[in-house]
Protein backbone atom coordinates (compact mmCIF):
# COMPACT_ATOMS: atom_id res chain seq x y z
CA MET A 1 -12.66 83.68 27.97
CA ASN A 2 -10.00 82.46 25.57
CA HIS A 3 -11.18 78.91 24.89
CA PHE A 4 -8.12 78.02 22.83
CA THR A 5 -5.53 78.77 25.50
CA ALA A 6 -7.63 76.72 27.95
CA TYR A 7 -7.77 73.76 25.54
CA THR A 8 -5.19 70.97 25.54
CA PRO A 9 -4.89 69.55 22.01
CA ARG A 10 -5.23 65.80 21.58
CA PRO A 11 -2.58 63.74 19.75
CA LEU A 12 -4.65 64.16 16.57
CA GLU A 13 -6.97 67.07 15.96
CA ILE A 14 -9.25 66.76 12.95
CA ILE A 15 -10.13 70.07 11.33
CA ASP A 16 -13.18 68.96 9.43
CA SER A 17 -13.97 70.97 6.32
CA THR A 18 -17.16 69.26 5.11
CA LEU A 19 -19.00 72.58 5.45
CA ARG A 20 -16.33 74.41 3.44
CA GLU A 21 -14.25 72.12 1.21
CA GLY A 22 -17.09 69.60 1.08
CA GLN A 23 -19.50 72.19 -0.26
CA GLN A 24 -17.14 72.68 -3.23
CA THR A 25 -17.86 69.16 -4.50
CA SER A 26 -19.30 68.91 -7.99
CA LEU A 27 -21.56 66.13 -6.68
CA LEU A 28 -23.98 68.79 -5.44
CA HIS A 29 -24.37 70.00 -9.03
CA ASP A 30 -25.28 66.50 -10.23
CA HIS A 31 -28.71 66.97 -8.65
CA GLN A 32 -29.03 70.73 -9.15
CA ARG A 33 -28.55 71.45 -5.45
CA TYR A 34 -25.39 73.60 -5.69
CA PHE A 35 -25.05 74.18 -1.92
CA PHE A 36 -25.93 72.74 1.48
CA SER A 37 -29.06 74.28 2.97
CA ARG A 38 -28.89 75.83 6.42
CA GLU A 39 -30.70 72.78 7.79
CA ASP A 40 -28.11 70.51 6.11
CA LYS A 41 -25.29 72.49 7.68
CA GLU A 42 -26.87 72.44 11.13
CA GLU A 43 -27.36 68.68 10.96
CA ILE A 44 -23.83 68.02 9.70
CA LEU A 45 -22.27 70.30 12.32
CA ARG A 46 -24.26 68.66 15.11
CA ALA A 47 -23.14 65.23 13.90
CA LEU A 48 -19.49 66.31 13.70
CA ILE A 49 -19.56 67.68 17.25
CA LEU A 50 -21.19 64.53 18.60
CA TYR A 51 -18.59 62.49 16.70
CA GLY A 52 -15.86 64.28 18.63
CA VAL A 53 -14.52 66.85 16.14
CA LYS A 54 -13.29 69.97 17.95
CA PHE A 55 -12.35 72.14 14.96
CA VAL A 56 -14.74 72.81 12.08
CA GLU A 57 -13.88 74.96 9.09
CA LEU A 58 -16.52 77.14 7.43
CA PHE A 59 -16.50 79.46 4.45
CA SER A 60 -15.57 83.07 5.02
CA PRO A 61 -18.71 85.13 5.69
CA ALA A 62 -17.45 87.36 2.88
CA VAL A 63 -18.35 84.66 0.33
CA SER A 64 -22.04 85.59 0.29
CA ALA A 65 -24.87 87.01 2.37
CA ARG A 66 -26.19 83.44 2.81
CA GLU A 67 -22.89 82.19 4.23
CA ARG A 68 -22.72 85.21 6.53
CA ALA A 69 -26.24 84.55 7.85
CA ASP A 70 -25.51 80.84 8.33
CA TRP A 71 -22.67 81.62 10.73
CA ALA A 72 -25.09 82.74 13.44
CA ALA A 73 -27.19 79.59 13.06
CA LEU A 74 -24.13 77.34 13.23
CA ARG A 75 -22.79 79.12 16.29
CA ALA A 76 -26.15 78.44 17.96
CA VAL A 77 -25.83 74.72 17.18
CA ARG A 78 -22.31 74.72 18.63
CA ASP A 79 -23.36 76.64 21.74
CA ALA A 80 -26.25 74.26 22.45
CA LEU A 81 -23.78 71.36 22.69
CA ILE A 82 -21.11 73.00 24.85
CA THR A 83 -22.45 71.58 28.11
CA GLN A 84 -22.52 68.06 26.67
CA LYS A 85 -19.44 68.03 24.43
CA GLY A 86 -17.31 70.98 25.43
CA TYR A 87 -16.26 73.82 23.18
CA THR A 88 -15.94 73.38 19.41
CA PHE A 89 -13.90 75.93 17.48
CA LEU A 90 -15.47 77.38 14.33
CA LEU A 91 -12.74 78.46 11.91
CA ALA A 92 -13.16 80.74 8.90
CA HIS A 93 -11.29 79.93 5.69
CA VAL A 94 -10.20 83.41 4.57
CA ARG A 95 -8.07 84.99 1.89
CA CYS A 96 -5.15 87.08 3.01
CA HIS A 97 -7.35 90.16 2.67
CA PRO A 98 -8.60 92.65 5.30
CA HIS A 99 -12.21 92.39 4.09
CA ASP A 100 -12.33 88.61 4.60
CA VAL A 101 -10.71 88.87 8.02
CA ALA A 102 -13.04 91.64 9.22
CA ALA A 103 -16.13 89.70 8.06
CA ALA A 104 -15.00 86.53 9.85
CA ILE A 105 -14.26 88.32 13.12
CA ALA A 106 -17.59 90.12 12.97
CA ALA A 107 -19.34 86.76 12.48
CA GLY A 108 -17.75 85.40 15.66
CA ALA A 109 -15.10 83.10 14.19
CA ASP A 110 -12.87 81.47 16.79
CA GLY A 111 -10.03 81.22 14.32
CA LEU A 112 -8.85 82.34 10.91
CA ASN A 113 -7.40 79.91 8.39
CA VAL A 114 -5.56 82.49 6.30
CA TYR A 115 -4.18 81.46 2.92
CA ILE A 116 -2.42 82.94 -0.10
CA GLY A 117 -0.80 81.11 -2.99
CA THR A 118 2.98 80.81 -2.83
CA SER A 119 3.75 78.63 -5.87
CA ALA A 120 4.88 80.18 -9.12
CA GLU A 121 1.57 79.14 -10.68
CA SER A 122 -0.46 80.86 -7.95
CA ARG A 123 1.64 83.99 -8.04
CA THR A 124 1.32 84.22 -11.81
CA PHE A 125 -2.30 83.27 -12.40
CA ASN A 126 -4.03 83.92 -9.07
CA HIS A 127 -3.09 87.08 -7.20
CA GLY A 128 -0.05 88.49 -9.01
CA HIS A 129 2.13 89.23 -5.94
CA ASP A 130 5.78 88.26 -5.70
CA LEU A 131 7.17 86.67 -2.53
CA ALA A 132 8.14 90.03 -1.05
CA GLY A 133 4.62 91.31 -1.68
CA ILE A 134 3.11 88.21 -0.05
CA VAL A 135 5.24 88.73 3.06
CA LEU A 136 4.41 92.42 3.27
CA ARG A 137 0.68 91.82 2.86
CA ALA A 138 0.49 88.86 5.26
CA ARG A 139 2.59 90.38 8.02
CA ALA A 140 0.59 93.60 8.10
CA LEU A 141 -2.69 91.71 8.24
CA LEU A 142 -1.64 89.17 10.90
CA GLU A 143 0.04 91.80 13.08
CA ASP A 144 -3.19 93.79 13.09
CA VAL A 145 -5.23 90.73 14.09
CA ARG A 146 -2.76 89.86 16.84
CA ARG A 147 -2.93 93.38 18.18
CA SER A 148 -6.69 93.93 17.94
CA HIS A 149 -8.04 90.39 18.46
CA PRO A 150 -5.51 88.39 20.51
CA GLN A 151 -8.09 85.68 21.29
CA VAL A 152 -8.42 84.63 17.60
CA VAL A 153 -6.60 81.42 16.63
CA LEU A 154 -4.40 81.99 13.57
CA ARG A 155 -3.23 79.56 10.93
CA PHE A 156 -1.33 80.65 7.84
CA SER A 157 -0.96 78.51 4.73
CA GLY A 158 1.06 79.01 1.60
CA GLU A 159 -1.51 77.65 -0.83
CA ASP A 160 -0.08 75.08 -3.26
CA ALA A 161 2.77 74.43 -0.84
CA PHE A 162 3.96 71.26 -2.59
CA ARG A 163 4.59 73.16 -5.83
CA THR A 164 6.40 75.84 -3.83
CA SER A 165 10.12 75.26 -3.42
CA PRO A 166 11.30 74.84 0.18
CA ALA A 167 13.39 78.01 -0.15
CA ASP A 168 10.37 80.07 -1.27
CA LEU A 169 8.14 78.58 1.41
CA PHE A 170 10.72 79.27 4.12
CA ARG A 171 11.13 82.83 2.89
CA VAL A 172 7.44 83.44 3.58
CA TYR A 173 7.03 81.27 6.68
CA ASP A 174 10.11 82.70 8.42
CA GLU A 175 8.38 86.07 8.48
CA ILE A 176 4.96 84.70 9.44
CA ALA A 177 5.84 82.03 12.03
CA PRO A 178 6.09 84.38 15.05
CA LEU A 179 2.53 85.61 14.43
CA VAL A 180 0.53 82.37 14.15
CA HIS A 181 -0.44 79.25 16.10
CA ARG A 182 -0.15 76.86 13.14
CA LEU A 183 1.50 76.71 9.75
CA GLY A 184 -0.41 74.97 6.99
CA LEU A 185 0.98 72.46 4.54
CA PRO A 186 -1.66 72.25 1.80
CA ASP A 187 -1.30 69.94 -1.18
CA THR A 188 -3.78 72.11 -3.03
CA VAL A 189 -3.60 70.38 -6.41
CA GLY A 190 -2.82 66.84 -5.26
CA VAL A 191 0.77 66.45 -6.45
CA ALA A 192 2.34 65.19 -3.20
CA THR A 193 3.53 61.65 -2.53
CA PRO A 194 4.18 59.99 0.83
CA ALA A 195 7.91 60.52 0.36
CA SER A 196 7.55 64.23 -0.41
CA VAL A 197 5.14 64.65 2.51
CA ALA A 198 7.60 63.04 4.92
CA ALA A 199 10.45 65.22 3.63
CA ARG A 200 8.46 68.45 3.77
CA VAL A 201 7.01 67.78 7.23
CA THR A 202 10.46 66.93 8.59
CA ALA A 203 11.91 70.13 7.13
CA LEU A 204 9.15 72.30 8.61
CA ARG A 205 9.30 70.65 12.03
CA THR A 206 13.05 71.15 12.12
CA ARG A 207 12.82 74.79 11.14
CA TYR A 208 9.77 75.68 13.29
CA PRO A 209 9.97 73.30 16.27
CA VAL A 210 7.51 75.16 18.52
CA LEU A 211 4.73 75.56 15.94
CA GLU A 212 2.01 73.06 15.14
CA LEU A 213 1.57 71.97 11.53
CA GLU A 214 -1.68 71.41 9.66
CA GLY A 215 -1.99 69.07 6.69
CA HIS A 216 -4.46 69.38 3.81
CA PHE A 217 -4.19 66.74 1.09
CA HIS A 218 -6.13 66.58 -2.18
CA ASN A 219 -6.89 63.30 -3.89
CA ASP A 220 -6.04 64.08 -7.53
CA ARG A 221 -3.57 61.17 -7.57
CA GLY A 222 -5.60 59.01 -5.22
CA LEU A 223 -3.02 59.63 -2.46
CA ALA A 224 -4.91 61.91 -0.06
CA LEU A 225 -5.33 59.22 2.58
CA VAL A 226 -1.81 57.80 2.49
CA ASN A 227 -0.35 61.31 2.43
CA ALA A 228 -2.37 62.24 5.51
CA LEU A 229 -1.25 59.07 7.29
CA GLU A 230 2.36 59.87 6.43
CA ALA A 231 1.98 63.42 7.69
CA VAL A 232 0.45 62.25 10.97
CA LYS A 233 3.16 59.62 11.41
CA ASN A 234 5.79 62.33 10.99
CA GLY A 235 4.29 64.62 13.61
CA VAL A 236 1.48 66.65 12.03
CA ARG A 237 -1.13 67.07 14.77
CA PHE A 238 -3.83 68.95 12.82
CA CYS A 239 -5.29 67.34 9.69
CA ASN A 240 -8.03 68.55 7.35
CA THR A 241 -10.74 66.07 6.36
CA THR A 242 -14.25 65.93 4.99
CA VAL A 243 -16.90 63.28 5.49
CA CYS A 244 -16.64 60.75 2.64
CA GLY A 245 -13.65 62.75 1.37
CA VAL A 246 -15.82 65.03 -0.77
CA GLY A 247 -14.42 68.32 -2.01
CA GLU A 248 -13.05 70.28 -4.94
CA ARG A 249 -12.23 68.03 -7.92
CA SER A 250 -11.44 64.56 -6.50
CA GLY A 251 -11.82 65.69 -2.89
CA ILE A 252 -9.51 65.40 0.12
CA THR A 253 -8.80 62.96 2.93
CA SER A 254 -11.88 61.18 4.29
CA LEU A 255 -12.56 61.71 7.99
CA THR A 256 -13.58 58.15 8.75
CA SER A 257 -11.00 56.58 6.41
CA LEU A 258 -8.21 58.34 8.29
CA LEU A 259 -9.42 57.24 11.72
CA PHE A 260 -10.19 53.72 10.46
CA ASN A 261 -6.62 53.33 9.20
CA LEU A 262 -5.10 54.69 12.39
CA HIS A 263 -7.15 52.09 14.25
CA ALA A 264 -5.97 49.37 11.87
CA ASP A 265 -2.38 50.47 12.53
CA ARG A 266 -3.09 50.30 16.30
CA ASP A 267 -2.32 54.00 16.66
CA TYR A 268 -4.94 54.24 19.38
CA ASP A 269 -3.60 57.36 21.11
CA ARG A 270 -4.55 59.44 18.08
CA LEU A 271 -8.15 58.22 18.28
CA GLU A 272 -8.72 59.90 21.64
CA GLY A 273 -12.14 61.53 21.93
CA TYR A 274 -13.63 60.30 18.64
CA GLN A 275 -16.86 58.28 18.72
CA LEU A 276 -15.77 55.68 16.19
CA ARG A 277 -19.06 53.78 16.19
CA GLY A 278 -20.64 56.89 14.69
CA SER A 279 -18.41 56.64 11.60
CA TYR A 280 -20.82 54.83 9.30
CA PRO A 281 -23.86 56.89 10.37
CA ILE A 282 -22.05 60.17 9.67
CA ASN A 283 -20.95 58.84 6.26
CA VAL A 284 -24.58 57.95 5.51
CA LEU A 285 -25.72 61.41 6.60
CA VAL A 286 -23.46 63.30 4.20
CA ALA A 287 -23.96 60.80 1.37
CA ASP A 288 -27.70 61.29 1.73
CA LYS A 289 -27.27 65.07 1.50
CA LEU A 290 -25.48 64.44 -1.81
CA ARG A 291 -28.17 61.96 -2.90
CA MET A 292 -25.76 59.10 -3.30
CA LEU A 293 -24.68 55.95 -1.48
CA VAL A 294 -21.58 55.95 0.68
CA PRO A 295 -18.79 55.62 -1.95
CA SER A 296 -17.60 52.10 -2.67
CA THR A 297 -14.03 53.29 -2.08
CA GLU A 298 -14.87 54.35 1.48
CA PRO A 299 -13.60 51.71 3.95
CA VAL A 300 -16.31 52.52 6.48
CA SER A 301 -19.25 51.39 4.37
CA LEU A 302 -21.67 48.53 3.99
CA THR A 303 -20.04 47.87 0.61
CA ASN A 304 -16.92 46.80 2.49
CA ARG A 305 -18.98 43.96 3.97
CA THR A 306 -20.98 43.02 0.89
CA HIS A 307 -20.14 39.85 -1.04
CA THR A 308 -21.14 38.83 -4.59
CA ALA A 309 -18.71 36.09 -5.71
CA GLY A 310 -19.83 32.55 -4.99
CA VAL A 311 -16.53 31.46 -3.40
CA HIS A 312 -16.62 34.46 -1.08
CA GLN A 313 -20.26 33.98 -0.16
CA SER A 314 -19.80 30.32 0.69
CA ALA A 315 -16.79 31.04 2.89
CA VAL A 316 -18.45 33.99 4.66
CA LEU A 317 -21.39 31.79 5.60
CA ARG A 318 -18.99 29.46 7.38
CA GLY A 319 -16.91 32.23 8.92
CA ALA A 320 -17.06 35.97 8.27
CA ALA A 321 -13.34 36.36 9.01
CA SER A 322 -12.58 34.59 5.73
CA TYR A 323 -13.23 37.80 3.78
CA GLU A 324 -13.90 40.39 6.48
CA ALA A 325 -10.55 41.24 8.04
CA HIS A 326 -11.41 44.47 9.81
CA PRO A 327 -13.54 45.22 12.89
CA LEU A 328 -16.06 47.42 11.11
CA ASP A 329 -18.51 46.86 13.96
CA ASN A 330 -16.36 49.33 15.90
CA PHE A 331 -17.14 51.91 13.22
CA GLY A 332 -20.91 51.42 13.09
CA VAL A 333 -21.12 48.84 10.30
CA SER A 334 -22.94 46.08 12.17
CA GLU A 335 -24.27 44.11 9.20
CA SER A 336 -23.03 42.19 6.17
CA GLY A 337 -24.60 41.83 2.76
CA ILE A 338 -24.65 38.81 0.46
CA LEU A 339 -26.06 39.66 -2.95
CA LEU A 340 -27.76 37.06 -5.14
CA GLY A 341 -26.69 37.26 -8.76
CA PRO A 342 -25.00 35.45 -11.64
CA LEU A 343 -21.85 34.87 -9.57
CA SER A 344 -23.66 33.16 -6.70
CA GLY A 345 -22.91 29.47 -6.17
CA TRP A 346 -25.18 26.63 -5.08
CA ASN A 347 -24.14 27.04 -1.43
CA ILE A 348 -25.67 30.48 -1.08
CA ILE A 349 -28.72 29.46 -3.12
CA HIS A 350 -29.24 26.50 -0.78
CA TYR A 351 -28.81 28.79 2.24
CA PHE A 352 -31.19 31.43 0.90
CA LEU A 353 -33.96 29.04 -0.05
CA LYS A 354 -33.73 26.95 3.11
CA GLU A 355 -32.80 29.45 5.84
CA ILE A 356 -34.39 32.63 4.51
CA ARG A 357 -37.36 31.39 2.44
CA TYR A 358 -37.89 28.22 4.53
CA PHE A 359 -38.22 25.89 1.55
CA GLN A 360 -37.69 22.19 2.11
CA LEU A 361 -34.84 21.08 -0.16
CA ASP A 362 -31.63 19.07 -0.15
CA GLU A 363 -28.23 20.00 -1.52
CA ASP A 364 -28.68 18.10 -4.79
CA THR A 365 -31.87 20.03 -5.54
CA ALA A 366 -30.08 23.28 -4.69
CA ARG A 367 -27.40 22.43 -7.26
CA GLN A 368 -30.03 21.83 -9.94
CA ILE A 369 -31.82 25.08 -9.11
CA ALA A 370 -28.50 26.94 -9.19
CA ARG A 371 -27.82 25.76 -12.75
CA VAL A 372 -31.21 26.99 -13.94
CA PHE A 373 -30.88 30.27 -12.02
CA LYS A 374 -27.43 31.04 -13.45
CA GLU A 375 -28.76 30.55 -16.99
CA ARG A 376 -31.84 32.72 -16.49
CA VAL A 377 -30.39 35.55 -14.39
CA TYR A 378 -28.62 37.10 -17.41
CA GLY A 379 -32.01 37.80 -18.95
CA ILE A 380 -33.45 39.50 -15.90
CA GLN A 381 -35.53 42.63 -16.51
CA PRO A 382 -35.00 45.99 -14.77
CA ASP A 383 -38.18 45.59 -12.73
CA GLU A 384 -37.17 42.12 -11.49
CA SER A 385 -34.69 41.06 -8.85
CA PRO A 386 -32.52 37.92 -8.64
CA GLU A 387 -34.33 37.08 -5.42
CA GLU A 388 -37.71 37.08 -7.18
CA LEU A 389 -36.36 35.02 -10.05
CA LEU A 390 -34.83 32.41 -7.76
CA THR A 391 -38.00 32.10 -5.68
CA ALA A 392 -40.12 31.67 -8.81
CA ILE A 393 -37.83 28.92 -10.13
CA ALA A 394 -37.94 27.09 -6.80
CA GLU A 395 -41.72 27.24 -6.51
CA ARG A 396 -42.94 26.89 -10.10
CA GLU A 397 -40.34 24.63 -11.71
CA PHE A 398 -39.14 22.53 -8.79
CA GLY A 399 -42.33 22.54 -6.76
CA LEU A 400 -40.66 23.36 -3.48
CA VAL A 401 -42.89 23.83 -0.46
CA HIS A 402 -42.30 25.82 2.70
CA ALA A 403 -41.40 24.17 5.96
CA GLN A 404 -43.91 24.65 8.76
CA LEU A 405 -42.49 27.11 11.31
CA PRO A 406 -43.33 26.79 14.98
CA PRO A 407 -45.59 29.64 16.18
CA ALA A 408 -42.88 31.14 18.39
CA ALA A 409 -40.23 31.36 15.68
CA SER A 410 -38.47 34.71 15.39
CA PRO A 411 -39.00 36.58 12.14
CA ILE A 412 -36.17 36.53 9.61
CA VAL A 413 -35.22 39.98 8.33
CA GLN A 414 -34.43 39.97 4.62
CA ARG A 415 -33.93 43.62 3.76
CA LEU A 416 -30.59 45.31 4.15
CA ASP A 417 -32.27 48.52 5.30
CA SER A 418 -34.77 47.03 7.79
CA PRO A 419 -34.43 47.75 11.53
CA LEU A 420 -32.87 45.02 13.64
CA PRO A 421 -32.92 44.19 17.34
CA GLY A 422 -29.36 42.92 17.00
CA GLN A 423 -26.74 41.94 14.45
CA VAL A 424 -28.00 39.72 11.63
CA ARG A 425 -26.30 38.44 8.50
CA ARG A 426 -28.58 39.16 5.59
CA ILE A 427 -29.12 38.02 2.07
CA ALA A 428 -30.51 40.45 -0.46
CA SER A 429 -31.03 40.87 -4.15
CA ALA A 430 -28.55 42.81 -6.24
CA LYS A 431 -30.67 45.94 -6.00
CA PRO A 432 -28.73 48.33 -3.72
CA PRO A 433 -30.52 49.47 -0.55
CA ALA A 434 -31.22 53.08 0.28
CA GLU A 435 -28.78 54.09 3.00
CA ARG A 436 -30.55 56.38 5.43
CA ALA A 437 -30.30 56.89 9.15
CA ASN A 438 -31.33 59.26 11.90
CA VAL A 439 -27.68 60.08 12.33
CA ALA A 440 -27.99 62.57 15.17
CA ALA A 441 -29.95 60.05 17.21
CA VAL A 442 -27.44 57.29 16.47
CA LEU A 443 -24.45 59.46 17.40
CA GLN A 444 -26.25 60.66 20.52
CA ALA A 445 -26.81 57.03 21.53
CA PHE A 446 -23.16 56.13 20.95
CA ASP A 447 -22.05 59.18 22.91
CA SER A 448 -24.33 58.33 25.82
CA GLN A 449 -23.02 54.77 25.93
CA SER A 450 -19.40 55.92 25.91
CA ASN A 451 -20.05 58.40 28.72
CA GLY A 452 -22.19 56.06 30.80
């Protein structure tokens, strides 16, 4: 059965490359890991499928014996979820080389993401072929695949497309277009801008109106997200992402950042089929594999609902909308954090001591305690927390006593990483929490709710 011809593409198809591009991140080297284990890959793939991703890019099996062996395990994960989630296409990222192509087809790849550099820099320093040689090599290879393996989905990319002149790119793509399902538009070294993306997408759509385009945007200039949004707005249906945007050098477009921004722009049609409430859990999963927190620059994060400045904290206590403009609950961020520290004002200190610690105190006493706390907190030791310091000041220097709680009172949860029966606004010390989750279980729960 040809699954691709039976599949109707959605308005936006994510081709997630966490298991290929993401594995090229230098962050793995920071902890001497160097690669995702097979168990890591299986867990990430399962989470991506449950999240709603239909196209997942993997390394070519020709990269190593380990990558070749992992293909079988990942196909088994995919196959186990077909009944529940439908078919997911596993795509091999391959050089324009017969050995890579043969290895990918033997491993059971549903599609080949074929690439070869077309910029002057790539031609000079990478493979050494001129444009005529690229065309000759690519056509022969793709014609053979079309003839021998017609069920394989083909994408061809001129690597470093944004440093390739339109004339040079057209010279190659004109010869290749009749042989492929998609043409790639990779900003391999992160030089593109929204304006250049719009111009290049428009030119390609005009010249190849019946072919789908695929965008791949690196973040060297910090523009990967806005470039992807611009590409999608101008008609690119297929877009490469990774979870948390990790990848070679500064990474590429973040999966959840892209969908979050489409939601913010009310572009709801392009969100079809994605389990948005699983966004934060899948970010936590991959961040944990890299032994880090979800990046502070990631919109779908607890950081995006964590407040340290006194003015912010006071306002958020009265109404979260004052400094929380986005519906992050829809993306799995169901909590907010307020961190005690040198920037905290008397309002939050009063709230913490009275509502969290259950001390009996009035506002004037809270102001006095705040003045002492703000003087002392700058001398805090690494093994102390602002919370401990504030509590000690309240008890030992101001003699505060706890209010008597009725026996049936509900417990107050104080830790950012403690389980909750429902949504709770929390106060914590400035020590960051460990972000961990049983992501597969969370995504499974979200998926069951959406299908119920």
